Amino acid sequence: MEITTRSKNFTVSPAVRDYTEEKLQKLEKYSRKIIEARVMFSLERYRHIAEIVLRLNGGDITGRAESSDMFSSVDTVVDKLERMLSKRKGKVTRRRQKKSVRDPKVHLERLEKVASPKPREVVPQEMTVDEAMEELEATGEEILIFLNTETSRTTVLHRRKNGSFALMEPVN
């Protein structure tokens, strides 16, 4: 990680600079994708302000803290960045875990376990539509294939969920 420090309204002592670099090196345990850290120190009357911008491989994270001492400002801002990075790391691991749960191989295994439908041979009987409706009512089935005596065609009678019937005939 490349660390760049700048200051406004005062000169940064080497002790503060070394302390900041040491603290920032500890942030690498949360993300190895930190490209650059830009540190801006400023002094406004009695307020010591430390602002750190971390350039990551997926965006920037910015933290800012102010106190009466520059060392405590650095501590506070590094703690904030640490929380942000750990939260970001948690999101990444949760996404990875969700992807592993939604593995397409799991869905294929479930589909293989479902029995494939076996063909059933049906010999259509000759009857009228009214007789077919009575037959369907008596058997409790949803579909009946029969030979319609009125049209001399193979016909399918289907009982819908609402109780009505649908009549289907092939078109030549």
N, C-alpha and C. Protein backbone atom coordinates (compact mmCIF):
# COMPACT_ATOMS: atom_id res chain seq x y z
N MET A 1 0.85 -1.16 0.00
CA MET A 1 0.00 0.00 0.00
C MET A 1 0.90 1.23 0.00
N GLU A 2 0.55 2.16 -0.84
CA GLU A 2 1.30 3.41 -0.94
C GLU A 2 0.62 4.45 -0.06
N ILE A 3 1.38 5.08 0.83
CA ILE A 3 0.81 6.05 1.77
C ILE A 3 1.35 7.44 1.43
N THR A 4 0.43 8.37 1.21
CA THR A 4 0.78 9.76 0.90
C THR A 4 0.23 10.64 2.02
N THR A 5 1.10 11.48 2.59
CA THR A 5 0.66 12.36 3.67
C THR A 5 0.81 13.82 3.24
N ARG A 6 -0.17 14.62 3.63
CA ARG A 6 -0.13 16.05 3.38
C ARG A 6 -0.60 16.75 4.64
N SER A 7 -0.22 18.00 4.79
CA SER A 7 -0.65 18.74 5.97
C SER A 7 -1.08 20.15 5.57
N LYS A 8 -1.94 20.71 6.41
CA LYS A 8 -2.45 22.05 6.16
C LYS A 8 -2.31 22.84 7.46
N ASN A 9 -1.69 23.98 7.39
CA ASN A 9 -1.52 24.92 8.50
C ASN A 9 -0.48 24.49 9.53
N PHE A 10 0.25 23.42 9.31
CA PHE A 10 1.35 23.05 10.21
C PHE A 10 2.19 21.99 9.53
N THR A 11 3.34 21.71 10.13
CA THR A 11 4.25 20.68 9.61
C THR A 11 4.08 19.42 10.45
N VAL A 12 3.91 18.29 9.76
CA VAL A 12 3.69 17.02 10.45
C VAL A 12 5.02 16.51 10.98
N SER A 13 5.03 16.12 12.24
CA SER A 13 6.26 15.58 12.82
C SER A 13 6.45 14.14 12.35
N PRO A 14 7.72 13.71 12.30
CA PRO A 14 7.98 12.32 11.88
C PRO A 14 7.32 11.30 12.80
N ALA A 15 7.15 11.62 14.07
CA ALA A 15 6.51 10.70 15.01
C ALA A 15 5.05 10.45 14.61
N VAL A 16 4.33 11.52 14.24
CA VAL A 16 2.93 11.38 13.82
C VAL A 16 2.85 10.61 12.51
N ARG A 17 3.76 10.92 11.60
CA ARG A 17 3.76 10.24 10.30
C ARG A 17 4.03 8.74 10.48
N ASP A 18 5.02 8.38 11.29
CA ASP A 18 5.34 6.96 11.52
C ASP A 18 4.19 6.25 12.24
N TYR A 19 3.59 6.93 13.20
CA TYR A 19 2.48 6.36 13.95
C TYR A 19 1.30 6.06 13.00
N THR A 20 1.03 6.99 12.10
CA THR A 20 -0.07 6.82 11.14
C THR A 20 0.22 5.66 10.19
N GLU A 21 1.43 5.59 9.69
CA GLU A 21 1.79 4.50 8.77
C GLU A 21 1.68 3.15 9.46
N GLU A 22 2.10 3.08 10.70
CA GLU A 22 2.03 1.84 11.46
C GLU A 22 0.56 1.41 11.64
N LYS A 23 -0.31 2.36 11.94
CA LYS A 23 -1.73 2.06 12.12
C LYS A 23 -2.37 1.62 10.80
N LEU A 24 -1.97 2.28 9.71
CA LEU A 24 -2.57 1.93 8.41
C LEU A 24 -2.12 0.55 7.94
N GLN A 25 -0.92 0.13 8.29
CA GLN A 25 -0.46 -1.21 7.90
C GLN A 25 -1.34 -2.29 8.52
N LYS A 26 -1.92 -2.01 9.70
CA LYS A 26 -2.78 -2.99 10.36
C LYS A 26 -4.11 -3.17 9.63
N LEU A 27 -4.48 -2.20 8.80
CA LEU A 27 -5.75 -2.31 8.05
C LEU A 27 -5.68 -3.34 6.93
N GLU A 28 -4.48 -3.75 6.55
CA GLU A 28 -4.35 -4.70 5.46
C GLU A 28 -4.89 -6.08 5.81
N LYS A 29 -5.09 -6.36 7.09
CA LYS A 29 -5.67 -7.66 7.45
C LYS A 29 -7.15 -7.72 7.07
N TYR A 30 -7.79 -6.58 6.88
CA TYR A 30 -9.19 -6.56 6.47
C TYR A 30 -9.36 -6.59 4.96
N SER A 31 -8.41 -6.03 4.25
CA SER A 31 -8.49 -6.02 2.80
C SER A 31 -7.09 -5.91 2.21
N ARG A 32 -6.74 -6.88 1.42
CA ARG A 32 -5.44 -6.84 0.75
C ARG A 32 -5.51 -6.04 -0.55
N LYS A 33 -6.69 -5.52 -0.86
CA LYS A 33 -6.89 -4.79 -2.10
C LYS A 33 -6.74 -3.28 -1.92
N ILE A 34 -6.15 -2.84 -0.82
CA ILE A 34 -5.93 -1.41 -0.61
C ILE A 34 -4.77 -0.99 -1.50
N ILE A 35 -5.04 -0.09 -2.42
CA ILE A 35 -4.03 0.36 -3.38
C ILE A 35 -3.23 1.53 -2.82
N GLU A 36 -3.95 2.48 -2.25
CA GLU A 36 -3.30 3.71 -1.80
C GLU A 36 -4.04 4.27 -0.60
N ALA A 37 -3.30 4.94 0.27
CA ALA A 37 -3.89 5.64 1.40
C ALA A 37 -3.41 7.09 1.34
N ARG A 38 -4.37 8.03 1.27
CA ARG A 38 -4.03 9.45 1.26
C ARG A 38 -4.44 10.02 2.62
N VAL A 39 -3.46 10.57 3.32
CA VAL A 39 -3.69 11.10 4.66
C VAL A 39 -3.53 12.62 4.61
N MET A 40 -4.54 13.32 5.16
CA MET A 40 -4.50 14.78 5.19
C MET A 40 -4.63 15.21 6.64
N PHE A 41 -3.60 15.87 7.14
CA PHE A 41 -3.60 16.43 8.50
C PHE A 41 -3.86 17.92 8.40
N SER A 42 -4.70 18.42 9.27
CA SER A 42 -4.90 19.87 9.29
C SER A 42 -5.09 20.33 10.74
N LEU A 43 -4.72 21.57 10.95
CA LEU A 43 -4.81 22.16 12.29
C LEU A 43 -5.62 23.45 12.16
N GLU A 44 -6.75 23.50 12.86
CA GLU A 44 -7.60 24.69 12.85
C GLU A 44 -7.83 25.09 14.30
N ARG A 45 -7.13 26.11 14.73
CA ARG A 45 -7.13 26.58 16.13
C ARG A 45 -6.76 25.43 17.06
N TYR A 46 -7.68 24.93 17.82
CA TYR A 46 -7.38 23.86 18.78
C TYR A 46 -7.77 22.48 18.24
N ARG A 47 -8.35 22.42 17.05
CA ARG A 47 -8.81 21.14 16.50
C ARG A 47 -7.75 20.51 15.61
N HIS A 48 -7.38 19.30 15.94
CA HIS A 48 -6.45 18.51 15.13
C HIS A 48 -7.28 17.55 14.29
N ILE A 49 -7.26 17.69 12.97
CA ILE A 49 -8.11 16.91 12.08
C ILE A 49 -7.26 15.95 11.26
N ALA A 50 -7.68 14.69 11.24
CA ALA A 50 -7.02 13.67 10.40
C ALA A 50 -8.08 13.11 9.46
N GLU A 51 -7.78 13.14 8.18
CA GLU A 51 -8.69 12.59 7.17
C GLU A 51 -7.91 11.60 6.33
N ILE A 52 -8.46 10.40 6.17
CA ILE A 52 -7.78 9.34 5.41
C ILE A 52 -8.72 8.84 4.34
N VAL A 53 -8.21 8.75 3.12
CA VAL A 53 -8.95 8.19 1.99
C VAL A 53 -8.21 6.94 1.54
N LEU A 54 -8.90 5.80 1.60
CA LEU A 54 -8.32 4.54 1.14
C LEU A 54 -8.86 4.23 -0.24
N ARG A 55 -7.95 4.07 -1.20
CA ARG A 55 -8.36 3.64 -2.55
C ARG A 55 -8.31 2.13 -2.58
N LEU A 56 -9.47 1.54 -2.84
CA LEU A 56 -9.59 0.09 -2.90
C LEU A 56 -9.85 -0.33 -4.33
N ASN A 57 -9.88 -1.63 -4.51
CA ASN A 57 -10.12 -2.19 -5.82
C ASN A 57 -11.58 -2.08 -6.23
N GLY A 58 -12.44 -1.55 -5.39
CA GLY A 58 -13.85 -1.43 -5.73
C GLY A 58 -14.43 -0.10 -5.32
N GLY A 59 -13.61 0.91 -5.10
CA GLY A 59 -14.10 2.23 -4.68
C GLY A 59 -13.24 2.79 -3.57
N ASP A 60 -13.62 3.97 -3.10
CA ASP A 60 -12.87 4.64 -2.05
C ASP A 60 -13.64 4.60 -0.73
N ILE A 61 -12.89 4.56 0.35
CA ILE A 61 -13.47 4.65 1.69
C ILE A 61 -12.80 5.84 2.37
N THR A 62 -13.61 6.73 2.92
CA THR A 62 -13.10 7.94 3.54
C THR A 62 -13.47 7.98 5.01
N GLY A 63 -12.52 8.37 5.83
CA GLY A 63 -12.76 8.55 7.26
C GLY A 63 -12.18 9.88 7.71
N ARG A 64 -12.86 10.51 8.68
CA ARG A 64 -12.41 11.81 9.18
C ARG A 64 -12.67 11.87 10.67
N ALA A 65 -11.71 12.40 11.40
CA ALA A 65 -11.86 12.56 12.85
C ALA A 65 -11.14 13.81 13.29
N GLU A 66 -11.68 14.41 14.36
CA GLU A 66 -11.02 15.59 14.93
C GLU A 66 -11.05 15.48 16.45
N SER A 67 -9.96 15.98 17.04
CA SER A 67 -9.85 15.98 18.51
C SER A 67 -8.84 17.05 18.90
N SER A 68 -8.47 17.05 20.18
CA SER A 68 -7.52 18.05 20.65
C SER A 68 -6.08 17.58 20.49
N ASP A 69 -5.88 16.33 20.04
CA ASP A 69 -4.54 15.77 19.88
C ASP A 69 -4.50 15.01 18.55
N MET A 70 -3.42 15.15 17.80
CA MET A 70 -3.33 14.51 16.49
C MET A 70 -3.27 12.99 16.62
N PHE A 71 -2.62 12.46 17.63
CA PHE A 71 -2.53 11.01 17.80
C PHE A 71 -3.92 10.40 18.05
N SER A 72 -4.72 11.06 18.86
CA SER A 72 -6.06 10.53 19.12
C SER A 72 -6.95 10.68 17.88
N SER A 73 -6.72 11.71 17.07
CA SER A 73 -7.46 11.85 15.81
C SER A 73 -7.13 10.70 14.87
N VAL A 74 -5.85 10.36 14.80
CA VAL A 74 -5.43 9.23 13.95
C VAL A 74 -6.04 7.93 14.46
N ASP A 75 -6.02 7.72 15.77
CA ASP A 75 -6.62 6.51 16.35
C ASP A 75 -8.10 6.41 15.99
N THR A 76 -8.82 7.51 16.14
CA THR A 76 -10.26 7.51 15.87
C THR A 76 -10.56 7.23 14.41
N VAL A 77 -9.85 7.89 13.51
CA VAL A 77 -10.13 7.70 12.09
C VAL A 77 -9.75 6.29 11.63
N VAL A 78 -8.68 5.73 12.17
CA VAL A 78 -8.29 4.37 11.80
C VAL A 78 -9.32 3.37 12.33
N ASP A 79 -9.85 3.62 13.53
CA ASP A 79 -10.91 2.76 14.06
C ASP A 79 -12.16 2.80 13.17
N LYS A 80 -12.50 3.99 12.70
CA LYS A 80 -13.66 4.12 11.79
C LYS A 80 -13.43 3.34 10.50
N LEU A 81 -12.23 3.50 9.94
CA LEU A 81 -11.91 2.79 8.70
C LEU A 81 -11.90 1.28 8.92
N GLU A 82 -11.43 0.86 10.08
CA GLU A 82 -11.40 -0.56 10.41
C GLU A 82 -12.82 -1.13 10.44
N ARG A 83 -13.74 -0.40 11.04
CA ARG A 83 -15.14 -0.85 11.07
C ARG A 83 -15.72 -0.91 9.66
N MET A 84 -15.44 0.10 8.85
CA MET A 84 -15.96 0.12 7.48
C MET A 84 -15.42 -1.05 6.67
N LEU A 85 -14.11 -1.32 6.81
CA LEU A 85 -13.52 -2.42 6.07
C LEU A 85 -14.04 -3.78 6.53
N SER A 86 -14.24 -3.95 7.84
CA SER A 86 -14.75 -5.23 8.32
C SER A 86 -16.19 -5.43 7.87
N LYS A 87 -16.97 -4.36 7.83
CA LYS A 87 -18.34 -4.45 7.34
C LYS A 87 -18.35 -4.83 5.86
N ARG A 88 -17.45 -4.21 5.11
CA ARG A 88 -17.33 -4.51 3.67
C ARG A 88 -16.91 -5.95 3.45
N LYS A 89 -15.96 -6.42 4.25
CA LYS A 89 -15.50 -7.80 4.14
C LYS A 89 -16.62 -8.78 4.48
N GLY A 90 -17.43 -8.44 5.48
CA GLY A 90 -18.57 -9.28 5.84
C GLY A 90 -19.59 -9.39 4.72
N LYS A 91 -19.83 -8.28 4.05
CA LYS A 91 -20.76 -8.30 2.92
C LYS A 91 -20.26 -9.20 1.80
N VAL A 92 -18.96 -9.13 1.52
CA VAL A 92 -18.38 -9.95 0.46
C VAL A 92 -18.50 -11.43 0.81
N THR A 93 -18.20 -11.79 2.04
CA THR A 93 -18.27 -13.21 2.41
C THR A 93 -19.72 -13.69 2.42
N ARG A 94 -20.66 -12.83 2.82
CA ARG A 94 -22.07 -13.25 2.78
C ARG A 94 -22.53 -13.47 1.36
N ARG A 95 -22.09 -12.61 0.44
CA ARG A 95 -22.46 -12.80 -0.97
C ARG A 95 -21.89 -14.11 -1.50
N ARG A 96 -20.65 -14.40 -1.13
CA ARG A 96 -20.05 -15.66 -1.59
C ARG A 96 -20.79 -16.85 -1.04
N GLN A 97 -21.22 -16.77 0.22
CA GLN A 97 -21.96 -17.88 0.80
C GLN A 97 -23.31 -18.05 0.12
N LYS A 98 -23.97 -16.96 -0.23
CA LYS A 98 -25.25 -17.07 -0.93
C LYS A 98 -25.06 -17.71 -2.31
N LYS A 99 -23.97 -17.35 -2.99
CA LYS A 99 -23.71 -17.95 -4.30
C LYS A 99 -23.47 -19.44 -4.17
N SER A 100 -22.79 -19.87 -3.13
CA SER A 100 -22.53 -21.29 -2.98
C SER A 100 -23.82 -22.04 -2.66
N VAL A 101 -24.77 -21.39 -1.97
CA VAL A 101 -26.05 -22.03 -1.69
C VAL A 101 -26.85 -22.17 -2.96
N ARG A 102 -26.74 -21.19 -3.83
CA ARG A 102 -27.49 -21.21 -5.08
C ARG A 102 -26.70 -21.88 -6.20
N ASP A 103 -25.94 -22.86 -5.87
CA ASP A 103 -25.14 -23.57 -6.84
C ASP A 103 -26.05 -24.31 -7.82
N PRO A 104 -25.88 -24.15 -9.14
CA PRO A 104 -26.77 -24.81 -10.09
C PRO A 104 -26.72 -26.33 -10.01
N LYS A 105 -25.62 -26.90 -9.54
CA LYS A 105 -25.52 -28.35 -9.44
C LYS A 105 -26.55 -28.89 -8.45
N VAL A 106 -26.82 -28.12 -7.41
CA VAL A 106 -27.81 -28.54 -6.42
C VAL A 106 -29.18 -28.66 -7.08
N HIS A 107 -29.52 -27.69 -7.94
CA HIS A 107 -30.81 -27.72 -8.61
C HIS A 107 -30.89 -28.92 -9.56
N LEU A 108 -29.80 -29.26 -10.22
CA LEU A 108 -29.81 -30.42 -11.10
C LEU A 108 -30.03 -31.70 -10.33
N GLU A 109 -29.41 -31.79 -9.16
CA GLU A 109 -29.61 -32.99 -8.35
C GLU A 109 -31.06 -33.12 -7.93
N ARG A 110 -31.70 -32.01 -7.59
CA ARG A 110 -33.11 -32.06 -7.21
C ARG A 110 -33.97 -32.50 -8.38
N LEU A 111 -33.64 -32.01 -9.58
CA LEU A 111 -34.42 -32.39 -10.75
C LEU A 111 -34.25 -33.86 -11.09
N GLU A 112 -33.05 -34.38 -10.88
CA GLU A 112 -32.83 -35.79 -11.18
C GLU A 112 -33.61 -36.68 -10.23
N LYS A 113 -33.82 -36.24 -8.99
CA LYS A 113 -34.53 -37.05 -8.02
C LYS A 113 -36.02 -37.14 -8.34
N VAL A 114 -36.58 -36.13 -9.03
CA VAL A 114 -37.99 -36.15 -9.38
C VAL A 114 -38.19 -37.19 -10.46
N ALA A 115 -39.15 -38.06 -10.26
CA ALA A 115 -39.41 -39.13 -11.23
C ALA A 115 -39.96 -38.53 -12.51
N SER A 116 -39.43 -38.99 -13.63
CA SER A 116 -39.93 -38.51 -14.91
C SER A 116 -41.27 -39.17 -15.19
N PRO A 117 -42.17 -38.45 -15.86
CA PRO A 117 -43.50 -39.01 -16.11
C PRO A 117 -43.40 -40.22 -17.05
N LYS A 118 -44.14 -41.24 -16.72
CA LYS A 118 -44.15 -42.44 -17.55
C LYS A 118 -45.36 -42.37 -18.48
N PRO A 119 -45.16 -42.68 -19.74
CA PRO A 119 -46.28 -42.60 -20.68
C PRO A 119 -47.35 -43.65 -20.33
N ARG A 120 -48.58 -43.25 -20.51
CA ARG A 120 -49.71 -44.13 -20.24
C ARG A 120 -50.50 -44.26 -21.54
N GLU A 121 -50.64 -45.48 -21.99
CA GLU A 121 -51.38 -45.70 -23.23
C GLU A 121 -52.86 -45.69 -22.94
N VAL A 122 -53.60 -44.96 -23.79
CA VAL A 122 -55.03 -44.83 -23.61
C VAL A 122 -55.71 -45.21 -24.92
N VAL A 123 -56.72 -46.07 -24.79
CA VAL A 123 -57.54 -46.41 -25.95
C VAL A 123 -58.82 -45.61 -25.83
N PRO A 124 -59.00 -44.61 -26.75
CA PRO A 124 -60.19 -43.77 -26.63
C PRO A 124 -61.47 -44.57 -26.91
N GLN A 125 -62.48 -44.35 -26.04
CA GLN A 125 -63.79 -44.99 -26.23
C GLN A 125 -64.70 -44.03 -26.98
N GLU A 126 -65.63 -44.60 -27.73
CA GLU A 126 -66.59 -43.77 -28.44
C GLU A 126 -67.67 -43.32 -27.47
N MET A 127 -67.93 -41.99 -27.42
CA MET A 127 -68.99 -41.44 -26.59
C MET A 127 -69.26 -40.01 -27.01
N THR A 128 -70.36 -39.47 -26.53
CA THR A 128 -70.71 -38.08 -26.79
C THR A 128 -70.03 -37.21 -25.73
N VAL A 129 -70.11 -35.90 -25.92
CA VAL A 129 -69.50 -34.96 -24.99
C VAL A 129 -70.20 -35.06 -23.63
N ASP A 130 -71.54 -35.18 -23.61
CA ASP A 130 -72.27 -35.29 -22.35
C ASP A 130 -71.86 -36.55 -21.58
N GLU A 131 -71.74 -37.69 -22.32
CA GLU A 131 -71.32 -38.93 -21.67
C GLU A 131 -69.90 -38.80 -21.11
N ALA A 132 -69.03 -38.09 -21.85
CA ALA A 132 -67.65 -37.89 -21.41
C ALA A 132 -67.62 -37.05 -20.13
N MET A 133 -68.48 -36.04 -20.03
CA MET A 133 -68.53 -35.21 -18.83
C MET A 133 -68.99 -36.03 -17.64
N GLU A 134 -69.99 -36.89 -17.84
CA GLU A 134 -70.46 -37.77 -16.77
C GLU A 134 -69.36 -38.74 -16.33
N GLU A 135 -68.62 -39.27 -17.30
CA GLU A 135 -67.52 -40.19 -17.01
C GLU A 135 -66.43 -39.49 -16.21
N LEU A 136 -66.12 -38.29 -16.59
CA LEU A 136 -65.09 -37.52 -15.89
C LEU A 136 -65.52 -37.22 -14.46
N GLU A 137 -66.80 -36.90 -14.26
CA GLU A 137 -67.33 -36.67 -12.92
C GLU A 137 -67.26 -37.94 -12.08
N ALA A 138 -67.57 -39.07 -12.68
CA ALA A 138 -67.63 -40.33 -11.95
C ALA A 138 -66.23 -40.81 -11.54
N THR A 139 -65.24 -40.63 -12.39
CA THR A 139 -63.89 -41.12 -12.09
C THR A 139 -63.10 -40.17 -11.22
N GLY A 140 -63.41 -38.88 -11.28
CA GLY A 140 -62.65 -37.90 -10.48
C GLY A 140 -61.35 -37.48 -11.14
N GLU A 141 -61.08 -37.93 -12.34
CA GLU A 141 -59.88 -37.54 -13.09
C GLU A 141 -60.02 -36.10 -13.59
N GLU A 142 -58.92 -35.55 -14.07
CA GLU A 142 -58.97 -34.20 -14.61
C GLU A 142 -59.07 -34.20 -16.13
N ILE A 143 -58.58 -35.27 -16.76
CA ILE A 143 -58.54 -35.33 -18.22
C ILE A 143 -59.15 -36.65 -18.68
N LEU A 144 -59.89 -36.57 -19.79
CA LEU A 144 -60.45 -37.78 -20.41
C LEU A 144 -60.26 -37.66 -21.91
N ILE A 145 -59.69 -38.68 -22.50
CA ILE A 145 -59.50 -38.73 -23.95
C ILE A 145 -60.54 -39.71 -24.48
N PHE A 146 -61.31 -39.27 -25.46
CA PHE A 146 -62.37 -40.12 -26.01
C PHE A 146 -62.54 -39.83 -27.49
N LEU A 147 -63.27 -40.74 -28.16
CA LEU A 147 -63.58 -40.57 -29.58
C LEU A 147 -64.99 -40.00 -29.65
N ASN A 148 -65.09 -38.77 -30.12
CA ASN A 148 -66.37 -38.08 -30.17
C ASN A 148 -67.22 -38.69 -31.28
N THR A 149 -68.40 -39.19 -30.92
CA THR A 149 -69.27 -39.84 -31.93
C THR A 149 -69.89 -38.81 -32.86
N GLU A 150 -70.03 -37.57 -32.42
CA GLU A 150 -70.64 -36.53 -33.25
C GLU A 150 -69.70 -36.05 -34.34
N THR A 151 -68.38 -35.94 -34.04
CA THR A 151 -67.42 -35.41 -35.02
C THR A 151 -66.47 -36.48 -35.55
N SER A 152 -66.46 -37.67 -34.97
CA SER A 152 -65.57 -38.77 -35.35
C SER A 152 -64.09 -38.39 -35.19
N ARG A 153 -63.79 -37.59 -34.20
CA ARG A 153 -62.41 -37.17 -33.92
C ARG A 153 -62.05 -37.57 -32.50
N THR A 154 -60.74 -37.72 -32.27
CA THR A 154 -60.25 -37.93 -30.93
C THR A 154 -60.33 -36.59 -30.21
N THR A 155 -60.94 -36.57 -29.02
CA THR A 155 -61.20 -35.34 -28.31
C THR A 155 -60.69 -35.46 -26.88
N VAL A 156 -60.25 -34.33 -26.31
CA VAL A 156 -59.77 -34.29 -24.94
C VAL A 156 -60.72 -33.39 -24.16
N LEU A 157 -61.21 -33.93 -23.03
CA LEU A 157 -62.05 -33.15 -22.14
C LEU A 157 -61.27 -32.93 -20.86
N HIS A 158 -61.17 -31.67 -20.45
CA HIS A 158 -60.36 -31.30 -19.29
C HIS A 158 -61.22 -30.57 -18.28
N ARG A 159 -61.17 -31.00 -17.02
CA ARG A 159 -61.88 -30.29 -15.95
C ARG A 159 -60.94 -29.27 -15.35
N ARG A 160 -61.34 -28.00 -15.36
CA ARG A 160 -60.53 -26.93 -14.79
C ARG A 160 -60.69 -26.88 -13.29
N LYS A 161 -59.82 -26.11 -12.65
CA LYS A 161 -59.86 -26.00 -11.19
C LYS A 161 -61.14 -25.35 -10.68
N ASN A 162 -61.72 -24.47 -11.48
CA ASN A 162 -62.95 -23.81 -11.04
C ASN A 162 -64.19 -24.67 -11.27
N GLY A 163 -64.04 -25.87 -11.83
CA GLY A 163 -65.15 -26.80 -12.03
C GLY A 163 -65.71 -26.82 -13.43
N SER A 164 -65.34 -25.84 -14.27
CA SER A 164 -65.83 -25.83 -15.65
C SER A 164 -65.01 -26.81 -16.49
N PHE A 165 -65.47 -27.05 -17.71
CA PHE A 165 -64.82 -28.02 -18.59
C PHE A 165 -64.25 -27.31 -19.82
N ALA A 166 -63.17 -27.89 -20.36
CA ALA A 166 -62.57 -27.42 -21.60
C ALA A 166 -62.54 -28.60 -22.56
N LEU A 167 -62.99 -28.35 -23.79
CA LEU A 167 -63.05 -29.40 -24.80
C LEU A 167 -62.02 -29.08 -25.88
N MET A 168 -61.13 -30.03 -26.18
CA MET A 168 -60.06 -29.80 -27.14
C MET A 168 -60.10 -30.87 -28.20
N GLU A 169 -60.09 -30.40 -29.48
CA GLU A 169 -60.08 -31.30 -30.63
C GLU A 169 -58.94 -30.90 -31.54
N PRO A 170 -58.23 -31.88 -32.12
CA PRO A 170 -57.15 -31.53 -33.04
C PRO A 170 -57.68 -30.92 -34.33
N VAL A 171 -56.88 -30.06 -34.93
CA VAL A 171 -57.24 -29.41 -36.19
C VAL A 171 -56.48 -30.11 -37.29
N ASN A 172 -57.17 -30.44 -38.35
CA ASN A 172 -56.53 -31.12 -39.50
C ASN A 172 -55.94 -30.15 -40.46
